[in-house]
PDB file of N, CA and C in Angstrom:
ATOM      1  N   MET A   1     100.358 121.908  81.584  1.00  0.00           N
ATOM      2  CA  MET A   1      99.802 122.419  80.416  1.00  0.00           C
ATOM      3  C   MET A   1      98.332 122.201  80.346  1.00  0.00           C
ATOM      4  N   ALA A   2      97.779 121.154  81.074  1.00  0.00           N
ATOM      5  CA  ALA A   2      96.371 120.876  81.099  1.00  0.00           C
ATOM      6  C   ALA A   2      95.563 122.113  81.658  1.00  0.00           C
ATOM      7  N   SER A   3      96.094 122.770  82.501  1.00  0.00           N
ATOM      8  CA  SER A   3      95.435 123.997  82.930  1.00  0.00           C
ATOM      9  C   SER A   3      95.712 125.151  82.077  1.00  0.00           C
ATOM     10  N   GLY A   4      96.594 125.017  81.041  1.00  0.00           N
ATOM     11  CA  GLY A   4      96.757 126.209  80.271  1.00  0.00           C
ATOM     12  C   GLY A   4      98.013 126.903  80.512  1.00  0.00           C
ATOM     13  N   THR A   5      98.880 126.440  81.416  1.00  0.00           N
ATOM     14  CA  THR A   5     100.247 126.894  81.933  1.00  0.00           C
ATOM     15  C   THR A   5     101.354 126.462  81.113  1.00  0.00           C
ATOM     16  N   PRO A   6     102.108 127.314  80.375  1.00  0.00           N
ATOM     17  CA  PRO A   6     103.250 126.982  79.745  1.00  0.00           C
ATOM     18  C   PRO A   6     104.277 126.290  80.601  1.00  0.00           C
ATOM     19  N   VAL A   7     105.085 125.378  79.982  1.00  0.00           N
ATOM     20  CA  VAL A   7     106.023 124.597  80.773  1.00  0.00           C
ATOM     21  C   VAL A   7     107.535 125.024  80.258  1.00  0.00           C
ATOM     22  N   ILE A   8     108.359 125.118  81.232  1.00  0.00           N
ATOM     23  CA  ILE A   8     109.706 125.178  80.951  1.00  0.00           C
ATOM     24  C   ILE A   8     110.518 123.898  81.621  1.00  0.00           C
ATOM     25  N   ALA A   9     111.160 123.048  80.825  1.00  0.00           N
ATOM     26  CA  ALA A   9     111.723 121.824  81.421  1.00  0.00           C
ATOM     27  C   ALA A   9     113.068 121.464  80.675  1.00  0.00           C
ATOM     28  N   PHE A  10     113.834 120.767  81.409  1.00  0.00           N
ATOM     29  CA  PHE A  10     115.195 120.323  80.623  1.00  0.00           C
ATOM     30  C   PHE A  10     115.040 119.351  79.880  1.00  0.00           C
ATOM     31  N   ARG A  11     115.631 119.148  78.828  1.00  0.00           N
ATOM     32  CA  ARG A  11     115.479 118.189  77.674  1.00  0.00           C
ATOM     33  C   ARG A  11     116.084 116.785  78.305  1.00  0.00           C
ATOM     34  N   ARG A  12     115.194 116.329  79.063  1.00  0.00           N
ATOM     35  CA  ARG A  12     115.521 114.909  79.778  1.00  0.00           C
ATOM     36  C   ARG A  12     114.231 114.047  79.725  1.00  0.00           C
ATOM     37  N   GLY A  13     114.394 112.873  79.755  1.00  0.00           N
ATOM     38  CA  GLY A  13     113.219 111.786  79.873  1.00  0.00           C
ATOM     39  C   GLY A  13     112.318 112.050  78.676  1.00  0.00           C
ATOM     40  N   SER A  14     111.003 112.018  78.912  1.00  0.00           N
ATOM     41  CA  SER A  14     110.018 112.364  77.975  1.00  0.00           C
ATOM     42  C   SER A  14     109.608 113.631  77.673  1.00  0.00           C
ATOM     43  N   VAL A  15     110.324 114.771  78.162  1.00  0.00           N
ATOM     44  CA  VAL A  15     109.912 116.199  77.880  1.00  0.00           C
ATOM     45  C   VAL A  15     110.100 116.449  76.418  1.00  0.00           C
ATOM     46  N   PRO A  16     110.772 116.066  75.484  1.00  0.00           N
ATOM     47  CA  PRO A  16     110.569 116.382  74.112  1.00  0.00           C
ATOM     48  C   PRO A  16     109.217 115.785  73.421  1.00  0.00           C
ATOM     49  N   GLU A  17     108.846 114.672  74.179  1.00  0.00           N
ATOM     50  CA  GLU A  17     107.582 114.099  73.717  1.00  0.00           C
ATOM     51  C   GLU A  17     106.277 114.727  74.170  1.00  0.00           C
ATOM     52  N   LEU A  18     106.619 115.716  75.156  1.00  0.00           N
ATOM     53  CA  LEU A  18     105.413 116.278  75.760  1.00  0.00           C
ATOM     54  C   LEU A  18     105.205 117.728  75.532  1.00  0.00           C
ATOM     55  N   ILE A  19     106.283 118.334  75.450  1.00  0.00           N
ATOM     56  CA  ILE A  19     106.266 119.935  75.094  1.00  0.00           C
ATOM     57  C   ILE A  19     106.554 120.110  73.578  1.00  0.00           C
ATOM     58  N   VAL A  20     105.805 121.022  73.094  1.00  0.00           N
ATOM     59  CA  VAL A  20     106.238 121.559  71.745  1.00  0.00           C
ATOM     60  C   VAL A  20     106.838 122.856  72.029  1.00  0.00           C
ATOM     61  N   ASN A  21     108.142 122.869  71.633  1.00  0.00           N
ATOM     62  CA  ASN A  21     109.082 123.978  72.025  1.00  0.00           C
ATOM     63  C   ASN A  21     108.577 125.232  71.298  1.00  0.00           C
ATOM     64  N   GLY A  22     108.404 126.230  72.097  1.00  0.00           N
ATOM     65  CA  GLY A  22     107.805 127.501  71.631  1.00  0.00           C
ATOM     66  C   GLY A  22     106.313 127.728  71.373  1.00  0.00           C
ATOM     67  N   ILE A  23     105.583 126.508  71.472  1.00  0.00           N
ATOM     68  CA  ILE A  23     104.148 126.441  71.337  1.00  0.00           C
ATOM     69  C   ILE A  23     103.465 126.315  72.715  1.00  0.00           C
ATOM     70  N   THR A  24     103.830 125.152  73.461  1.00  0.00           N
ATOM     71  CA  THR A  24     103.282 124.925  74.745  1.00  0.00           C
ATOM     72  C   THR A  24     104.368 125.163  75.883  1.00  0.00           C
ATOM     73  N   GLY A  25     105.469 125.581  75.465  1.00  0.00           N
ATOM     74  CA  GLY A  25     106.577 125.900  76.508  1.00  0.00           C
ATOM     75  C   GLY A  25     107.858 126.012  75.854  1.00  0.00           C
ATOM     76  N   TYR A  26     108.764 125.718  76.625  1.00  0.00           N
ATOM     77  CA  TYR A  26     110.165 125.727  76.260  1.00  0.00           C
ATOM     78  C   TYR A  26     111.025 124.603  76.777  1.00  0.00           C
ATOM     79  N   ILE A  27     111.848 123.923  75.848  1.00  0.00           N
ATOM     80  CA  ILE A  27     112.799 122.797  76.285  1.00  0.00           C
ATOM     81  C   ILE A  27     114.181 123.489  76.240  1.00  0.00           C
ATOM     82  N   VAL A  28     114.775 123.319  77.371  1.00  0.00           N
ATOM     83  CA  VAL A  28     116.055 123.988  77.601  1.00  0.00           C
ATOM     84  C   VAL A  28     117.183 123.078  77.995  1.00  0.00           C
ATOM     85  N   ASP A  29     118.428 123.359  77.905  1.00  0.00           N
ATOM     86  CA  ASP A  29     119.567 122.442  78.075  1.00  0.00           C
ATOM     87  C   ASP A  29     120.491 123.042  79.286  1.00  0.00           C
ATOM     88  N   SER A  30     120.005 124.324  79.731  1.00  0.00           N
ATOM     89  CA  SER A  30     120.880 124.961  80.921  1.00  0.00           C
ATOM     90  C   SER A  30     120.070 125.861  81.715  1.00  0.00           C
ATOM     91  N   THR A  31     120.577 126.172  82.781  1.00  0.00           N
ATOM     92  CA  THR A  31     119.822 127.252  83.573  1.00  0.00           C
ATOM     93  C   THR A  31     119.857 128.596  82.986  1.00  0.00           C
ATOM     94  N   ALA A  32     120.937 128.908  82.029  1.00  0.00           N
ATOM     95  CA  ALA A  32     120.703 130.112  81.403  1.00  0.00           C
ATOM     96  C   ALA A  32     119.682 130.216  80.425  1.00  0.00           C
ATOM     97  N   GLU A  33     119.633 128.981  79.643  1.00  0.00           N
ATOM     98  CA  GLU A  33     118.502 128.959  78.759  1.00  0.00           C
ATOM     99  C   GLU A  33     117.108 129.194  79.468  1.00  0.00           C
ATOM    100  N   MET A  34     117.083 128.339  80.523  1.00  0.00           N
ATOM    101  CA  MET A  34     115.867 128.616  81.318  1.00  0.00           C
ATOM    102  C   MET A  34     115.328 129.976  81.644  1.00  0.00           C
ATOM    103  N   SER A  35     116.373 130.696  82.126  1.00  0.00           N
ATOM    104  CA  SER A  35     116.151 132.104  82.467  1.00  0.00           C
ATOM    105  C   SER A  35     115.632 132.979  81.085  1.00  0.00           C
ATOM    106  N   GLU A  36     116.325 132.652  80.088  1.00  0.00           N
ATOM    107  CA  GLU A  36     115.693 133.229  78.885  1.00  0.00           C
ATOM    108  C   GLU A  36     114.437 132.919  78.293  1.00  0.00           C
ATOM    109  N   ALA A  37     114.107 131.636  78.698  1.00  0.00           N
ATOM    110  CA  ALA A  37     112.769 131.124  78.320  1.00  0.00           C
ATOM    111  C   ALA A  37     111.648 131.640  79.259  1.00  0.00           C
ATOM    112  N   VAL A  38     112.013 132.154  80.562  1.00  0.00           N
ATOM    113  CA  VAL A  38     111.143 132.792  81.464  1.00  0.00           C
ATOM    114  C   VAL A  38     110.653 134.144  80.716  1.00  0.00           C
ATOM    115  N   ASP A  39     111.681 134.713  80.028  1.00  0.00           N
ATOM    116  CA  ASP A  39     111.464 136.002  79.427  1.00  0.00           C
ATOM    117  C   ASP A  39     110.394 135.935  78.196  1.00  0.00           C
ATOM    118  N   LYS A  40     110.277 134.717  77.707  1.00  0.00           N
ATOM    119  CA  LYS A  40     109.522 134.506  76.520  1.00  0.00           C
ATOM    120  C   LYS A  40     108.284 133.875  76.878  1.00  0.00           C
ATOM    121  N   LEU A  41     107.743 133.618  77.998  1.00  0.00           N
ATOM    122  CA  LEU A  41     106.611 132.960  78.289  1.00  0.00           C
ATOM    123  C   LEU A  41     105.460 133.799  77.667  1.00  0.00           C
ATOM    124  N   ALA A  42     105.474 134.987  77.694  1.00  0.00           N
ATOM    125  CA  ALA A  42     104.276 135.881  77.414  1.00  0.00           C
ATOM    126  C   ALA A  42     103.827 135.467  75.977  1.00  0.00           C
ATOM    127  N   LYS A  43     104.877 134.844  75.113  1.00  0.00           N
ATOM    128  CA  LYS A  43     104.585 134.583  73.780  1.00  0.00           C
ATOM    129  C   LYS A  43     103.698 133.183  73.615  1.00  0.00           C
ATOM    130  N   VAL A  44     103.628 132.511  74.716  1.00  0.00           N
ATOM    131  CA  VAL A  44     102.958 131.178  74.605  1.00  0.00           C
ATOM    132  C   VAL A  44     101.537 131.424  75.025  1.00  0.00           C
ATOM    133  N   LYS A  45     100.541 130.878  74.074  1.00  0.00           N
ATOM    134  CA  LYS A  45      99.245 131.171  74.221  1.00  0.00           C
ATOM    135  C   LYS A  45      98.788 129.985  75.149  1.00  0.00           C
ATOM    136  N   ARG A  46      98.081 130.331  76.256  1.00  0.00           N
ATOM    137  CA  ARG A  46      97.494 129.486  77.312  1.00  0.00           C
ATOM    138  C   ARG A  46      96.716 128.376  76.499  1.00  0.00           C
ATOM    139  N   GLN A  47      95.765 128.846  75.549  1.00  0.00           N
ATOM    140  CA  GLN A  47      94.782 128.064  74.869  1.00  0.00           C
ATOM    141  C   GLN A  47      95.591 126.839  74.142  1.00  0.00           C
ATOM    142  N   ASP A  48      96.683 127.343  73.615  1.00  0.00           N
ATOM    143  CA  ASP A  48      97.552 126.356  72.774  1.00  0.00           C
ATOM    144  C   ASP A  48      98.107 125.198  73.665  1.00  0.00           C
ATOM    145  N   CYS A  49      98.264 125.516  75.132  1.00  0.00           N
ATOM    146  CA  CYS A  49      98.827 124.528  75.869  1.00  0.00           C
ATOM    147  C   CYS A  49      97.520 123.674  76.331  1.00  0.00           C
ATOM    148  N   ARG A  50      96.528 124.125  76.549  1.00  0.00           N
ATOM    149  CA  ARG A  50      95.344 123.361  76.943  1.00  0.00           C
ATOM    150  C   ARG A  50      95.015 122.383  75.643  1.00  0.00           C
ATOM    151  N   SER A  51      95.010 122.953  74.442  1.00  0.00           N
ATOM    152  CA  SER A  51      94.460 122.230  73.419  1.00  0.00           C
ATOM    153  C   SER A  51      95.477 121.135  73.162  1.00  0.00           C
ATOM    154  N   HIS A  52      96.705 121.370  73.340  1.00  0.00           N
ATOM    155  CA  HIS A  52      97.731 120.190  72.999  1.00  0.00           C
ATOM    156  C   HIS A  52      97.548 119.120  73.981  1.00  0.00           C
ATOM    157  N   VAL A  53      97.155 119.298  75.281  1.00  0.00           N
ATOM    158  CA  VAL A  53      96.988 118.333  76.319  1.00  0.00           C
ATOM    159  C   VAL A  53      95.524 117.488  75.823  1.00  0.00           C
ATOM    160  N   GLU A  54      94.478 118.272  75.321  1.00  0.00           N
ATOM    161  CA  GLU A  54      93.224 117.815  75.029  1.00  0.00           C
ATOM    162  C   GLU A  54      93.540 116.694  73.856  1.00  0.00           C
ATOM    163  N   ARG A  55      94.251 117.105  72.754  1.00  0.00           N
ATOM    164  CA  ARG A  55      94.425 116.414  71.744  1.00  0.00           C
ATOM    165  C   ARG A  55      95.193 115.152  71.884  1.00  0.00           C
ATOM    166  N   ASN A  56      96.208 115.214  72.738  1.00  0.00           N
ATOM    167  CA  ASN A  56      97.253 114.281  72.649  1.00  0.00           C
ATOM    168  C   ASN A  56      97.251 113.312  74.005  1.00  0.00           C
ATOM    169  N   PHE A  57      96.556 113.729  75.087  1.00  0.00           N
ATOM    170  CA  PHE A  57      96.858 113.028  76.324  1.00  0.00           C
ATOM    171  C   PHE A  57      95.690 112.636  76.926  1.00  0.00           C
ATOM    172  N   THR A  58      94.664 112.215  76.093  1.00  0.00           N
ATOM    173  CA  THR A  58      93.303 111.805  76.812  1.00  0.00           C
ATOM    174  C   THR A  58      93.598 110.242  77.473  1.00  0.00           C
ATOM    175  N   VAL A  59      92.695 109.916  78.187  1.00  0.00           N
ATOM    176  CA  VAL A  59      92.541 108.557  78.713  1.00  0.00           C
ATOM    177  C   VAL A  59      92.887 107.494  77.641  1.00  0.00           C
ATOM    178  N   THR A  60      91.982 107.667  76.791  1.00  0.00           N
ATOM    179  CA  THR A  60      91.697 106.663  75.479  1.00  0.00           C
ATOM    180  C   THR A  60      93.070 106.731  74.741  1.00  0.00           C
ATOM    181  N   ASN A  61      93.778 107.838  74.425  1.00  0.00           N
ATOM    182  CA  ASN A  61      95.072 107.908  73.790  1.00  0.00           C
ATOM    183  C   ASN A  61      96.206 107.158  74.601  1.00  0.00           C
ATOM    184  N   MET A  62      96.106 107.428  75.944  1.00  0.00           N
ATOM    185  CA  MET A  62      97.174 106.658  76.726  1.00  0.00           C
ATOM    186  C   MET A  62      96.926 105.257  76.777  1.00  0.00           C
ATOM    187  N   VAL A  63      95.648 104.787  76.919  1.00  0.00           N
ATOM    188  CA  VAL A  63      95.397 103.485  77.013  1.00  0.00           C
ATOM    189  C   VAL A  63      95.845 102.744  75.599  1.00  0.00           C
ATOM    190  N   ASP A  64      95.523 103.299  74.619  1.00  0.00           N
ATOM    191  CA  ASP A  64      95.810 102.741  73.255  1.00  0.00           C
ATOM    192  C   ASP A  64      97.258 102.836  72.944  1.00  0.00           C
ATOM    193  N   GLY A  65      97.919 103.805  73.571  1.00  0.00           N
ATOM    194  CA  GLY A  65      99.432 103.680  73.456  1.00  0.00           C
ATOM    195  C   GLY A  65      99.863 102.471  74.312  1.00  0.00           C
ATOM    196  N   TYR A  66      99.567 102.319  75.681  1.00  0.00           N
ATOM    197  CA  TYR A  66      99.937 101.190  76.395  1.00  0.00           C
ATOM    198  C   TYR A  66      99.638  99.814  75.742  1.00  0.00           C
ATOM    199  N   GLU A  67      98.496  99.783  75.042  1.00  0.00           N
ATOM    200  CA  GLU A  67      97.993  98.501  74.352  1.00  0.00           C
ATOM    201  C   GLU A  67      99.060  98.102  73.190  1.00  0.00           C
ATOM    202  N   ARG A  68      99.502  99.331  72.507  1.00  0.00           N
ATOM    203  CA  ARG A  68     100.471  99.029  71.337  1.00  0.00           C
ATOM    204  C   ARG A  68     101.767  98.582  71.875  1.00  0.00           C
ATOM    205  N   VAL A  69     102.343  99.049  72.888  1.00  0.00           N
ATOM    206  CA  VAL A  69     103.509  98.821  73.525  1.00  0.00           C
ATOM    207  C   VAL A  69     103.424  97.392  73.966  1.00  0.00           C
ATOM    208  N   LEU A  70     102.270  97.019  74.734  1.00  0.00           N
ATOM    209  CA  LEU A  70     102.169  95.655  75.367  1.00  0.00           C
ATOM    210  C   LEU A  70     102.110  94.680  74.283  1.00  0.00           C
ATOM    211  N   LYS A  71     101.455  94.769  73.136  1.00  0.00           N
ATOM    212  CA  LYS A  71     101.370  93.835  72.203  1.00  0.00           C
ATOM    213  C   LYS A  71     102.739  93.487  71.454  1.00  0.00           C
ATOM    214  N   ASN A  72     103.660  94.547  71.597  1.00  0.00           N
ATOM    215  CA  ASN A  72     105.018  94.413  71.096  1.00  0.00           C
ATOM    216  C   ASN A  72     105.749  93.538  71.921  1.00  0.00           C
ATOM    217  N   ILE A  73     105.414  93.575  73.343  1.00  0.00           N
ATOM    218  CA  ILE A  73     106.510  92.987  74.175  1.00  0.00           C
ATOM    219  C   ILE A  73     106.027  91.694  74.754  1.00  0.00           C
ATOM    220  N   VAL A  74     104.768  91.258  74.677  1.00  0.00           N
ATOM    221  CA  VAL A  74     104.212  90.097  75.437  1.00  0.00           C
ATOM    222  C   VAL A  74     104.253  89.100  74.398  1.00  0.00           C
ATOM    223  N   GLN A  75     104.143  87.809  74.805  1.00  0.00           N
ATOM    224  CA  GLN A  75     104.026  86.650  73.806  1.00  0.00           C
ATOM    225  C   GLN A  75     102.516  86.787  73.236  1.00  0.00           C
ATOM    226  N   PRO A  76     102.425  86.611  72.009  1.00  0.00           N
ATOM    227  CA  PRO A  76     101.119  86.662  71.075  1.00  0.00           C
ATOM    228  C   PRO A  76      99.899  85.984  71.991  1.00  0.00           C
ATOM    229  N   HIS A  77     100.087  84.835  72.578  1.00  0.00           N
ATOM    230  CA  HIS A  77      98.913  84.065  73.066  1.00  0.00           C
ATOM    231  C   HIS A  77      98.392  84.678  74.408  1.00  0.00           C
ATOM    232  N   SER A  78      99.323  85.552  74.910  1.00  0.00           N
ATOM    233  CA  SER A  78      98.922  85.972  76.277  1.00  0.00           C
ATOM    234  C   SER A  78      98.422  87.681  76.209  1.00  0.00           C
ATOM    235  N   ALA A  79      98.918  88.190  75.018  1.00  0.00           N
ATOM    236  CA  ALA A  79      98.478  89.528  74.721  1.00  0.00           C
ATOM    237  C   ALA A  79      97.118  89.873  75.043  1.00  0.00           C
ATOM    238  N   PRO A  80      96.000  89.200  74.386  1.00  0.00           N
ATOM    239  CA  PRO A  80      94.570  89.473  74.498  1.00  0.00           C
ATOM    240  C   PRO A  80      94.211  89.592  76.036  1.00  0.00           C
ATOM    241  N   LYS A  81      94.532  88.438  76.836  1.00  0.00           N
ATOM    242  CA  LYS A  81      94.158  88.550  78.205  1.00  0.00           C
ATOM    243  C   LYS A  81      94.642  89.715  78.913  1.00  0.00           C
ATOM    244  N   LEU A  82      95.928  89.926  78.762  1.00  0.00           N
ATOM    245  CA  LEU A  82      96.598  91.247  79.518  1.00  0.00           C
ATOM    246  C   LEU A  82      95.926  92.585  79.138  1.00  0.00           C
ATOM    247  N   ILE A  83      95.595  92.615  77.784  1.00  0.00           N
ATOM    248  CA  ILE A  83      94.996  93.898  77.378  1.00  0.00           C
ATOM    249  C   ILE A  83      93.636  93.856  77.913  1.00  0.00           C
ATOM    250  N   ALA A  84      92.804  92.881  77.903  1.00  0.00           N
ATOM    251  CA  ALA A  84      91.414  93.055  78.269  1.00  0.00           C
ATOM    252  C   ALA A  84      91.514  93.356  79.956  1.00  0.00           C
ATOM    253  N   GLY A  85      92.492  92.957  80.623  1.00  0.00           N
ATOM    254  CA  GLY A  85      92.662  93.206  82.139  1.00  0.00           C
ATOM    255  C   GLY A  85      92.830  94.653  82.216  1.00  0.00           C
ATOM    256  N   MET A  86      93.855  95.249  81.399  1.00  0.00           N
ATOM    257  CA  MET A  86      94.387  96.771  81.285  1.00  0.00           C
ATOM    258  C   MET A  86      93.097  97.561  81.111  1.00  0.00           C
ATOM    259  N   ARG A  87      92.308  97.171  80.083  1.00  0.00           N
ATOM    260  CA  ARG A  87      91.277  97.982  79.514  1.00  0.00           C
ATOM    261  C   ARG A  87      90.289  98.019  80.819  1.00  0.00           C
ATOM    262  N   ARG A  88      89.982  97.019  81.598  1.00  0.00           N
ATOM    263  CA  ARG A  88      88.935  97.001  82.617  1.00  0.00           C
ATOM    264  C   ARG A  88      89.657  98.010  83.837  1.00  0.00           C
ATOM    265  N   ILE A  89      90.823  97.959  83.971  1.00  0.00           N
ATOM    266  CA  ILE A  89      91.436  98.911  85.006  1.00  0.00           C
ATOM    267  C   ILE A  89      91.247 100.331  84.562  1.00  0.00           C
ATOM    268  N   SER A  90      91.730 100.445  83.246  1.00  0.00           N
ATOM    269  CA  SER A  90      91.517 101.910  82.641  1.00  0.00           C
ATOM    270  C   SER A  90      90.053 102.449  82.806  1.00  0.00           C
ATOM    271  N   GLU A  91      88.961 101.706  82.348  1.00  0.00           N
ATOM    272  CA  GLU A  91      87.703 102.014  82.507  1.00  0.00           C
ATOM    273  C   GLU A  91      87.374 102.313  83.974  1.00  0.00           C
ATOM    274  N   LYS A  92      87.940 101.531  84.870  1.00  0.00           N
ATOM    275  CA  LYS A  92      87.539 102.134  86.317  1.00  0.00           C
ATOM    276  C   LYS A  92      88.132 103.491  86.554  1.00  0.00           C
ATOM    277  N   ILE A  93      89.325 103.737  86.200  1.00  0.00           N
ATOM    278  CA  ILE A  93      90.104 104.865  86.278  1.00  0.00           C
ATOM    279  C   ILE A  93      89.147 105.861  85.877  1.00  0.00           C
ATOM    280  N   VAL A  94      88.800 105.912  84.594  1.00  0.00           N
ATOM    281  CA  VAL A  94      87.913 106.878  83.891  1.00  0.00           C
ATOM    282  C   VAL A  94      86.714 107.207  84.648  1.00  0.00           C
ATOM    283  N   ASP A  95      86.013 106.066  85.032  1.00  0.00           N
ATOM    284  CA  ASP A  95      84.768 106.264  85.976  1.00  0.00           C
ATOM    285  C   ASP A  95      85.083 107.202  87.062  1.00  0.00           C
ATOM    286  N   GLN A  96      86.088 106.800  87.809  1.00  0.00           N
ATOM    287  CA  GLN A  96      86.527 107.428  89.084  1.00  0.00           C
ATOM    288  C   GLN A  96      86.719 109.134  88.721  1.00  0.00           C
ATOM    289  N   LEU A  97      87.379 109.275  87.579  1.00  0.00           N
ATOM    290  CA  LEU A  97      87.693 110.637  87.215  1.00  0.00           C
ATOM    291  C   LEU A  97      86.469 111.430  86.912  1.00  0.00           C
ATOM    292  N   ARG A  98      85.351 110.761  86.525  1.00  0.00           N
ATOM    293  CA  ARG A  98      84.169 111.558  86.054  1.00  0.00           C
ATOM    294  C   ARG A  98      83.441 112.006  87.439  1.00  0.00           C
TER     295      ARG A  98
END
């Protein structure tokens, strides 16, 4: 999707969280549905795929999401130290991607 390519995937794992059915691709439950989805790919706008990724899957959004999860699972007194370390690692990754 990041390159503007629509995605067809089975409804498993994180697929429903990633794909907007009919907008950025198609979520299917069988190979028959997958074949039907291939015929509908021309209806998906490449710019919609790219825009969805730009809005929802930035490094900042991902790090913020990890921070929220970690705050909920670690002991309150250890969370700030863990989050600070994770932020440093994330910043290094972002620097390398630039």
